[in-house]
Amino acid sequence: MDWLVFMGCFMFIFFTMICILLTHLDNRNKMDRWRALAQRNNLSFEPGNWLGGVGVSGYYRGHWVELAPYSTDHQGQKGGVFTHIVVSIRRSQNSQMSPTTIQLSSREELIENLMQLRVDSQLRGNVKANIWQLSYEQSGIETDIKRLEAVLDVLSELADIYPAAVALGGEAVPVLHSIVKNGGKLRDVATQWLYDIGNTTQRRLKAQAGKLLCPDCLARFAARKVQLSWLSSVTYYGCRMCGQSRNVIEARSVVVLNRHMQTTQLQKDGTLYTNWFSRPTLFDFDAVAIVRASDEDVERFALQVGNDMENLRKLRYQDMRCVISPDCELSANSRRILERMFGQVETGRKRKARSRPDLVNAELIGQAELIGQKEQALEMAINTTAN
């Protein structure tokens, strides 16, 4: 009986030592693979041990990266060992704390960049992000050098794109929202992307959103909500119509009806004047100046305003001021139509002719010169509505 106990203990110790030896050899092999990865990419390798201290760090494709094993322990129970990679978004090789220089000109370019990432084929784990860094976590210790390099490539490309997409602002929102809804390995990254866009646009635009115009839509900026789930949403600021948040005009908006005005827009003293004849669609405006227009022109404009389905604009028409040039001969019926549309309709003051008109110079309006009565009438309307 004693002999059987002795043999049992011997076999247990023997197999335990074999397991320890095999584990040591396996860990040595893993460390050798990570050391080779470091040497191959000019990174630093810290040997340590798999309980702590081992890791790879340095600049990879211009971004600071850190690779280390990571163990989890949930409520006293061993959770497992993971390969943990962190790639800095803000810390680049050329400047210790500067964003990447990549720029995105449109959401189409963002889509193209995201499609080139090969996320599903290269990433076995999950990616998370914030404005400072990307983190990747994969179950087990990854020792395949080519796969580790592929993961680092994808994360580095994401780090290049991330701040550029935040700068793209509202234009990037539809792309990122579709990633969140469709799921996948970039779902968490896209969610954080949206939060960062929301925070950035709120800091930059919220305080003055009602004073800003979109150059393309001529619509005011406002808060826009993106629903991530039935419990959570993100609010960002952008154009009420197209959602973009990069390009703004800070100005009061006046719509001008002037058939003699040879340019679509001009900006002077904090006010943007847009000629309705050159842009015969509705947009956000704060006042109306009728300089050179027929009764038929006024009726068409009033019909368009009367049929406006945009709620925010409809609420403002009854409080809006409409100024008619004294040189514009409108019928009593046209005036009554305007009075039904707008809260205040008045005739501007007649101004004396100037020897040298000074409304705007040729550089602003893109033509040789405005002369005589045409410019005097437009100047009258602009100065009147500006008061």
Protein backbone atom coordinates (compact mmCIF):
# COMPACT_ATOMS: atom_id res chain seq x y z
CA MET A 1 0.00 0.00 0.00
CA ASP A 2 2.85 2.36 0.92
CA TRP A 3 4.44 1.52 -2.40
CA LEU A 4 1.28 2.56 -4.28
CA VAL A 5 1.15 5.87 -2.38
CA PHE A 6 4.82 6.48 -3.15
CA MET A 7 4.30 5.78 -6.85
CA GLY A 8 1.22 8.03 -6.91
CA CYS A 9 3.13 10.91 -5.37
CA PHE A 10 6.06 10.34 -7.69
CA MET A 11 3.85 10.36 -10.79
CA PHE A 12 2.06 13.53 -9.61
CA ILE A 13 5.37 15.34 -9.03
CA PHE A 14 6.74 14.06 -12.32
CA PHE A 15 3.77 15.24 -14.38
CA THR A 16 3.72 18.55 -12.50
CA MET A 17 7.36 19.15 -13.38
CA ILE A 18 6.68 18.18 -16.98
CA CYS A 19 3.78 20.68 -17.13
CA ILE A 20 5.95 23.40 -15.59
CA LEU A 21 8.73 22.66 -18.06
CA LEU A 22 6.35 22.68 -21.03
CA THR A 23 4.76 25.92 -19.81
CA HIS A 24 8.20 27.46 -19.42
CA LEU A 25 9.21 26.37 -22.92
CA ASP A 26 5.91 27.68 -24.32
CA ASN A 27 6.35 31.02 -22.56
CA ARG A 28 9.96 31.19 -23.74
CA ASN A 29 8.80 30.56 -27.30
CA LYS A 30 6.14 33.30 -26.97
CA MET A 31 8.67 35.76 -25.61
CA ASP A 32 11.07 34.87 -28.41
CA ARG A 33 8.30 35.59 -30.95
CA TRP A 34 7.51 38.95 -29.37
CA ARG A 35 11.24 39.73 -29.22
CA ALA A 36 11.47 38.96 -32.94
CA LEU A 37 8.47 41.24 -33.60
CA ALA A 38 10.23 44.05 -31.72
CA GLN A 39 13.53 43.56 -33.56
CA ARG A 40 11.79 43.36 -36.94
CA ASN A 41 9.97 46.69 -36.42
CA ASN A 42 12.61 48.58 -34.41
CA LEU A 43 10.58 48.41 -31.20
CA SER A 44 11.65 47.89 -27.58
CA PHE A 45 11.15 44.50 -25.89
CA GLU A 46 10.87 44.02 -22.13
CA PRO A 47 11.33 40.30 -21.22
CA GLY A 48 9.80 40.23 -17.73
CA ASN A 49 7.46 37.24 -17.36
CA TRP A 50 3.90 36.44 -18.32
CA LEU A 51 2.69 37.44 -14.87
CA GLY A 52 3.91 40.98 -15.47
CA GLY A 53 6.59 43.15 -17.00
CA VAL A 54 6.77 41.58 -20.45
CA GLY A 55 5.86 43.83 -23.34
CA VAL A 56 6.70 45.52 -26.62
CA SER A 57 6.57 49.29 -27.12
CA GLY A 58 7.74 52.02 -29.48
CA TYR A 59 6.69 53.90 -32.60
CA TYR A 60 4.98 51.85 -35.28
CA ARG A 61 4.01 53.67 -38.50
CA GLY A 62 4.41 56.94 -36.63
CA HIS A 63 2.16 56.05 -33.68
CA TRP A 64 3.18 55.04 -30.15
CA VAL A 65 2.14 51.42 -29.54
CA GLU A 66 2.21 49.13 -26.51
CA LEU A 67 1.77 45.34 -26.63
CA ALA A 68 1.43 43.34 -23.42
CA PRO A 69 -0.31 40.27 -21.96
CA TYR A 70 -3.34 41.02 -19.85
CA SER A 71 -5.12 38.77 -17.34
CA THR A 72 -8.59 39.26 -15.91
CA ASP A 73 -10.05 38.14 -12.64
CA HIS A 74 -13.81 38.41 -12.26
CA GLN A 75 -15.15 38.18 -8.66
CA GLY A 76 -12.30 35.99 -7.51
CA GLN A 77 -12.46 33.63 -10.48
CA LYS A 78 -9.76 33.51 -13.12
CA GLY A 79 -11.03 35.16 -16.27
CA GLY A 80 -8.24 34.33 -18.69
CA VAL A 81 -5.22 35.80 -20.45
CA PHE A 82 -5.47 38.25 -23.34
CA THR A 83 -3.24 39.97 -25.86
CA HIS A 84 -3.64 43.68 -25.22
CA ILE A 85 -2.53 46.37 -27.70
CA VAL A 86 -2.80 50.14 -27.32
CA VAL A 87 -2.16 52.54 -30.22
CA SER A 88 -1.98 56.25 -29.45
CA ILE A 89 -4.03 58.62 -31.60
CA ARG A 90 -2.49 61.83 -30.27
CA ARG A 91 1.10 60.79 -29.63
CA SER A 92 2.93 60.66 -32.94
CA GLN A 93 6.59 60.15 -33.78
CA ASN A 94 7.21 63.65 -35.12
CA SER A 95 5.51 65.41 -32.22
CA GLN A 96 4.99 63.89 -28.79
CA MET A 97 1.48 65.30 -28.44
CA SER A 98 0.05 66.28 -31.80
CA PRO A 99 -2.83 64.98 -33.92
CA THR A 100 -2.20 63.27 -37.21
CA THR A 101 -2.01 65.43 -40.32
CA ILE A 102 -4.39 63.33 -42.45
CA GLN A 103 -7.42 65.22 -43.77
CA LEU A 104 -10.72 63.96 -45.13
CA SER A 105 -12.48 66.11 -47.70
CA SER A 106 -15.82 64.28 -47.67
CA ARG A 107 -17.73 61.41 -46.14
CA GLU A 108 -17.11 59.46 -49.36
CA GLU A 109 -13.40 59.64 -48.62
CA LEU A 110 -14.07 58.44 -45.07
CA ILE A 111 -16.01 55.45 -46.43
CA GLU A 112 -13.15 54.65 -48.82
CA ASN A 113 -10.61 54.76 -45.99
CA LEU A 114 -12.73 52.53 -43.76
CA MET A 115 -13.29 49.98 -46.53
CA GLN A 116 -9.52 49.60 -46.96
CA LEU A 117 -8.98 48.56 -43.34
CA ARG A 118 -9.75 44.80 -43.79
CA VAL A 119 -11.07 44.76 -40.23
CA ASP A 120 -12.98 41.47 -40.34
CA SER A 121 -10.12 39.50 -41.88
CA GLN A 122 -7.35 40.82 -39.63
CA LEU A 123 -8.92 41.37 -36.22
CA ARG A 124 -9.83 38.40 -34.03
CA GLY A 125 -10.52 40.55 -30.99
CA ASN A 126 -12.43 43.73 -30.20
CA VAL A 127 -11.42 47.36 -30.62
CA LYS A 128 -12.38 50.25 -28.34
CA ALA A 129 -11.48 53.90 -28.63
CA ASN A 130 -11.46 57.35 -27.14
CA ILE A 131 -10.13 60.65 -28.45
CA TRP A 132 -6.62 59.71 -27.22
CA GLN A 133 -6.09 56.05 -28.08
CA LEU A 134 -7.31 52.80 -29.60
CA SER A 135 -7.20 49.59 -27.59
CA TYR A 136 -7.41 46.02 -28.88
CA GLU A 137 -8.03 42.89 -26.85
CA GLN A 138 -7.79 39.29 -28.12
CA SER A 139 -8.23 36.10 -26.13
CA GLY A 140 -4.98 34.20 -25.56
CA ILE A 141 -1.40 35.22 -26.30
CA GLU A 142 -1.00 35.93 -30.01
CA THR A 143 2.47 34.89 -31.23
CA ASP A 144 2.02 34.96 -35.01
CA ILE A 145 4.24 37.88 -36.04
CA LYS A 146 2.45 38.53 -39.33
CA ARG A 147 -0.93 38.56 -37.60
CA LEU A 148 0.34 40.92 -34.92
CA GLU A 149 1.72 43.23 -37.62
CA ALA A 150 -1.62 43.05 -39.46
CA VAL A 151 -3.44 44.10 -36.27
CA LEU A 152 -0.96 46.94 -35.71
CA ASP A 153 -1.46 48.05 -39.33
CA VAL A 154 -5.25 48.22 -38.96
CA LEU A 155 -5.03 50.06 -35.63
CA SER A 156 -2.47 52.52 -37.01
CA GLU A 157 -4.69 53.27 -40.01
CA LEU A 158 -7.63 53.78 -37.67
CA ALA A 159 -5.49 56.13 -35.57
CA ASP A 160 -4.75 58.11 -38.75
CA ILE A 161 -8.44 58.37 -39.66
CA TYR A 162 -9.92 58.94 -36.20
CA PRO A 163 -9.14 62.65 -35.59
CA ALA A 164 -9.78 63.44 -39.26
CA ALA A 165 -13.29 61.97 -39.00
CA VAL A 166 -13.93 63.95 -35.80
CA ALA A 167 -12.87 67.08 -37.68
CA LEU A 168 -15.21 66.08 -40.53
CA GLY A 169 -17.98 66.43 -37.97
CA GLY A 170 -21.57 66.13 -39.09
CA GLU A 171 -20.64 64.80 -42.52
CA ALA A 172 -19.16 61.69 -40.89
CA VAL A 173 -22.21 60.99 -38.73
CA PRO A 174 -24.30 58.98 -41.27
CA VAL A 175 -21.33 56.69 -42.03
CA LEU A 176 -20.52 56.06 -38.37
CA HIS A 177 -24.19 55.64 -37.44
CA SER A 178 -24.58 52.90 -40.05
CA ILE A 179 -21.58 51.06 -38.54
CA VAL A 180 -23.20 51.24 -35.10
CA LYS A 181 -26.52 49.91 -36.42
CA ASN A 182 -24.93 47.11 -38.46
CA GLY A 183 -22.65 45.92 -35.65
CA GLY A 184 -19.24 44.37 -36.29
CA LYS A 185 -15.80 44.82 -34.81
CA LEU A 186 -15.83 48.61 -35.22
CA ARG A 187 -19.18 49.15 -33.50
CA ASP A 188 -17.64 50.36 -30.23
CA VAL A 189 -15.17 52.56 -32.10
CA ALA A 190 -17.93 54.14 -34.21
CA THR A 191 -20.01 54.77 -31.08
CA GLN A 192 -17.15 56.60 -29.39
CA TRP A 193 -16.48 58.45 -32.66
CA LEU A 194 -20.03 59.82 -32.56
CA TYR A 195 -19.67 60.91 -28.94
CA ASP A 196 -16.42 62.72 -29.77
CA ILE A 197 -18.06 64.47 -32.73
CA GLY A 198 -20.94 65.47 -30.47
CA ASN A 199 -18.62 66.90 -27.81
CA THR A 200 -16.44 68.70 -30.36
CA THR A 201 -19.31 70.34 -32.24
CA GLN A 202 -21.05 71.35 -29.01
CA ARG A 203 -17.93 73.10 -27.76
CA ARG A 204 -17.39 74.86 -31.08
CA LEU A 205 -20.91 75.67 -32.26
CA LYS A 206 -23.55 75.41 -29.52
CA ALA A 207 -23.20 78.92 -28.09
CA GLN A 208 -23.72 80.64 -31.44
CA ALA A 209 -25.59 78.02 -33.49
CA GLY A 210 -28.55 80.32 -34.16
CA LYS A 211 -26.24 82.92 -35.73
CA LEU A 212 -24.46 80.53 -38.08
CA LEU A 213 -25.38 79.75 -41.70
CA CYS A 214 -24.40 76.78 -43.82
CA PRO A 215 -22.72 78.13 -46.99
CA ASP A 216 -24.36 75.43 -49.11
CA CYS A 217 -27.91 75.28 -47.72
CA LEU A 218 -28.08 78.81 -46.25
CA ALA A 219 -29.78 77.15 -43.26
CA ARG A 220 -29.08 77.91 -39.63
CA PHE A 221 -27.19 75.50 -37.39
CA ALA A 222 -29.02 73.54 -34.71
CA ALA A 223 -28.77 70.53 -32.39
CA ARG A 224 -29.24 67.20 -34.18
CA LYS A 225 -29.84 63.89 -32.39
CA VAL A 226 -28.56 60.45 -33.43
CA GLN A 227 -30.30 57.50 -31.79
CA LEU A 228 -27.81 54.75 -30.94
CA SER A 229 -30.32 52.53 -29.16
CA TRP A 230 -33.66 52.95 -27.44
CA LEU A 231 -31.71 53.94 -24.32
CA SER A 232 -28.90 56.12 -25.67
CA SER A 233 -28.38 58.91 -28.18
CA VAL A 234 -25.77 61.45 -29.25
CA THR A 235 -26.41 65.15 -29.87
CA TYR A 236 -24.19 67.08 -32.25
CA TYR A 237 -24.46 70.51 -33.89
CA GLY A 238 -24.64 71.06 -37.62
CA CYS A 239 -26.65 72.51 -40.48
CA ARG A 240 -30.38 71.93 -40.01
CA MET A 241 -30.63 70.65 -43.58
CA CYS A 242 -27.47 68.74 -44.52
CA GLY A 243 -25.90 68.21 -41.08
CA GLN A 244 -22.39 69.40 -42.00
CA SER A 245 -20.53 71.24 -39.23
CA ARG A 246 -17.20 72.27 -40.76
CA ASN A 247 -18.03 75.34 -42.87
CA VAL A 248 -19.99 78.23 -41.40
CA ILE A 249 -20.94 81.82 -42.18
CA GLU A 250 -21.61 84.00 -39.15
CA ALA A 251 -24.00 86.59 -40.53
CA ARG A 252 -27.51 87.96 -40.63
CA SER A 253 -29.34 86.73 -43.74
CA VAL A 254 -31.36 88.98 -46.09
CA VAL A 255 -33.11 87.78 -49.25
CA VAL A 256 -32.98 90.38 -52.04
CA LEU A 257 -35.32 90.57 -55.05
CA ASN A 258 -33.34 92.58 -57.58
CA ARG A 259 -33.27 91.73 -61.29
CA HIS A 260 -30.39 94.18 -61.79
CA MET A 261 -28.17 92.50 -59.21
CA GLN A 262 -25.56 90.60 -61.21
CA THR A 263 -24.29 88.35 -58.42
CA THR A 264 -25.93 85.67 -56.31
CA GLN A 265 -24.51 86.76 -52.96
CA LEU A 266 -22.54 89.48 -51.29
CA GLN A 267 -21.57 89.97 -47.66
CA LYS A 268 -21.14 93.33 -45.98
CA ASP A 269 -20.93 94.43 -42.35
CA GLY A 270 -22.02 91.09 -40.88
CA THR A 271 -24.96 90.59 -43.24
CA LEU A 272 -25.25 88.15 -46.14
CA TYR A 273 -27.42 89.33 -49.05
CA THR A 274 -28.70 86.62 -51.38
CA ASN A 275 -30.45 87.44 -54.67
CA TRP A 276 -33.60 85.33 -54.96
CA PHE A 277 -33.53 85.58 -58.78
CA SER A 278 -30.14 83.85 -58.83
CA ARG A 279 -31.19 81.34 -56.17
CA PRO A 280 -34.98 80.88 -56.53
CA THR A 281 -35.37 78.48 -53.61
CA LEU A 282 -36.24 79.06 -49.98
CA PHE A 283 -33.54 79.27 -47.33
CA ASP A 284 -33.20 80.77 -43.86
CA PHE A 285 -33.40 84.57 -44.00
CA ASP A 286 -34.09 87.25 -41.39
CA ALA A 287 -35.43 90.04 -43.63
CA VAL A 288 -36.61 90.75 -47.20
CA ALA A 289 -35.40 93.57 -49.47
CA ILE A 290 -37.37 94.14 -52.71
CA VAL A 291 -35.33 96.40 -54.98
CA ARG A 292 -36.16 95.65 -58.64
CA ALA A 293 -39.03 93.21 -59.12
CA SER A 294 -42.36 93.05 -60.93
CA ASP A 295 -45.76 92.18 -59.46
CA GLU A 296 -45.44 88.72 -61.03
CA ASP A 297 -42.04 88.26 -59.38
CA VAL A 298 -43.43 89.20 -55.97
CA GLU A 299 -46.41 86.88 -56.40
CA ARG A 300 -44.14 83.95 -57.27
CA PHE A 301 -41.91 84.68 -54.28
CA ALA A 302 -44.92 85.03 -51.95
CA LEU A 303 -46.42 81.78 -53.28
CA GLN A 304 -43.18 79.99 -52.50
CA VAL A 305 -43.11 81.43 -48.99
CA GLY A 306 -46.77 80.60 -48.44
CA ASN A 307 -46.18 76.96 -49.42
CA ASP A 308 -43.08 76.60 -47.24
CA MET A 309 -43.37 73.35 -45.25
CA GLU A 310 -40.32 73.96 -43.06
CA ASN A 311 -41.77 74.60 -39.60
CA LEU A 312 -38.98 76.74 -38.17
CA ARG A 313 -39.11 79.17 -41.10
CA LYS A 314 -42.93 79.29 -41.15
CA LEU A 315 -43.00 80.46 -37.53
CA ARG A 316 -40.67 83.36 -38.28
CA TYR A 317 -42.37 84.91 -41.33
CA GLN A 318 -45.04 86.71 -39.27
CA ASP A 319 -42.33 88.54 -37.30
CA MET A 320 -40.18 89.33 -40.33
CA ARG A 321 -39.47 92.71 -41.88
CA CYS A 322 -39.92 93.34 -45.62
CA VAL A 323 -38.48 96.57 -47.09
CA ILE A 324 -39.52 97.79 -50.55
CA SER A 325 -37.36 100.22 -52.50
CA PRO A 326 -39.13 103.55 -53.32
CA ASP A 327 -37.97 103.00 -56.90
CA CYS A 328 -39.80 99.63 -57.10
CA GLU A 329 -43.33 100.28 -58.36
CA LEU A 330 -45.50 97.50 -56.97
CA SER A 331 -49.28 97.35 -57.16
CA ALA A 332 -51.49 97.66 -54.10
CA ASN A 333 -52.39 93.99 -54.48
CA SER A 334 -48.71 92.94 -54.33
CA ARG A 335 -48.26 94.96 -51.16
CA ARG A 336 -51.32 93.32 -49.60
CA ILE A 337 -49.88 89.90 -50.45
CA LEU A 338 -46.60 90.82 -48.76
CA GLU A 339 -48.45 92.16 -45.71
CA ARG A 340 -50.21 88.82 -45.32
CA MET A 341 -46.85 87.01 -45.52
CA PHE A 342 -44.66 89.18 -43.31
CA GLY A 343 -45.10 90.98 -40.02
CA GLN A 344 -43.79 94.38 -41.15
CA VAL A 345 -43.87 95.74 -44.71
CA GLU A 346 -42.51 99.24 -45.34
CA THR A 347 -41.07 101.44 -48.05
CA GLY A 348 -37.43 102.39 -47.69
CA ARG A 349 -36.15 105.93 -47.70
CA LYS A 350 -35.10 107.58 -50.93
CA ARG A 351 -31.36 108.18 -50.94
CA LYS A 352 -29.44 110.83 -52.81
CA ALA A 353 -27.23 109.72 -55.69
CA ARG A 354 -23.51 109.62 -54.99
CA SER A 355 -20.79 110.58 -57.38
CA ARG A 356 -18.91 107.43 -56.45
CA PRO A 357 -21.07 104.50 -55.28
CA ASP A 358 -19.44 102.58 -52.47
CA LEU A 359 -21.72 99.61 -51.72
CA VAL A 360 -19.07 97.01 -52.44
CA ASN A 361 -16.07 96.88 -54.69
CA ALA A 362 -15.65 94.73 -57.77
CA GLU A 363 -13.60 92.12 -55.93
CA LEU A 364 -16.56 91.22 -53.71
CA ILE A 365 -19.20 90.90 -56.40
CA GLY A 366 -17.09 89.62 -59.30
CA GLN A 367 -18.09 92.23 -61.86
CA ALA A 368 -16.62 95.43 -63.24
CA GLU A 369 -18.73 98.01 -61.36
CA LEU A 370 -22.24 98.75 -60.18
CA ILE A 371 -23.31 102.13 -61.47
CA GLY A 372 -26.04 104.74 -61.11
CA GLN A 373 -29.53 104.02 -59.94
CA LYS A 374 -29.11 100.23 -59.74
CA GLU A 375 -26.55 100.50 -56.99
CA GLN A 376 -28.35 103.30 -55.18
CA ALA A 377 -31.51 101.19 -54.91
CA LEU A 378 -29.64 98.14 -53.64
CA GLU A 379 -27.66 100.25 -51.20
CA MET A 380 -30.90 101.73 -49.87
CA ALA A 381 -32.42 98.31 -49.27
CA ILE A 382 -29.27 97.00 -47.60
CA ASN A 383 -28.87 99.97 -45.29
CA THR A 384 -32.55 99.98 -44.40
CA THR A 385 -32.75 96.30 -43.54
CA ALA A 386 -29.51 96.55 -41.59
CA ASN A 387 -31.00 99.07 -39.15
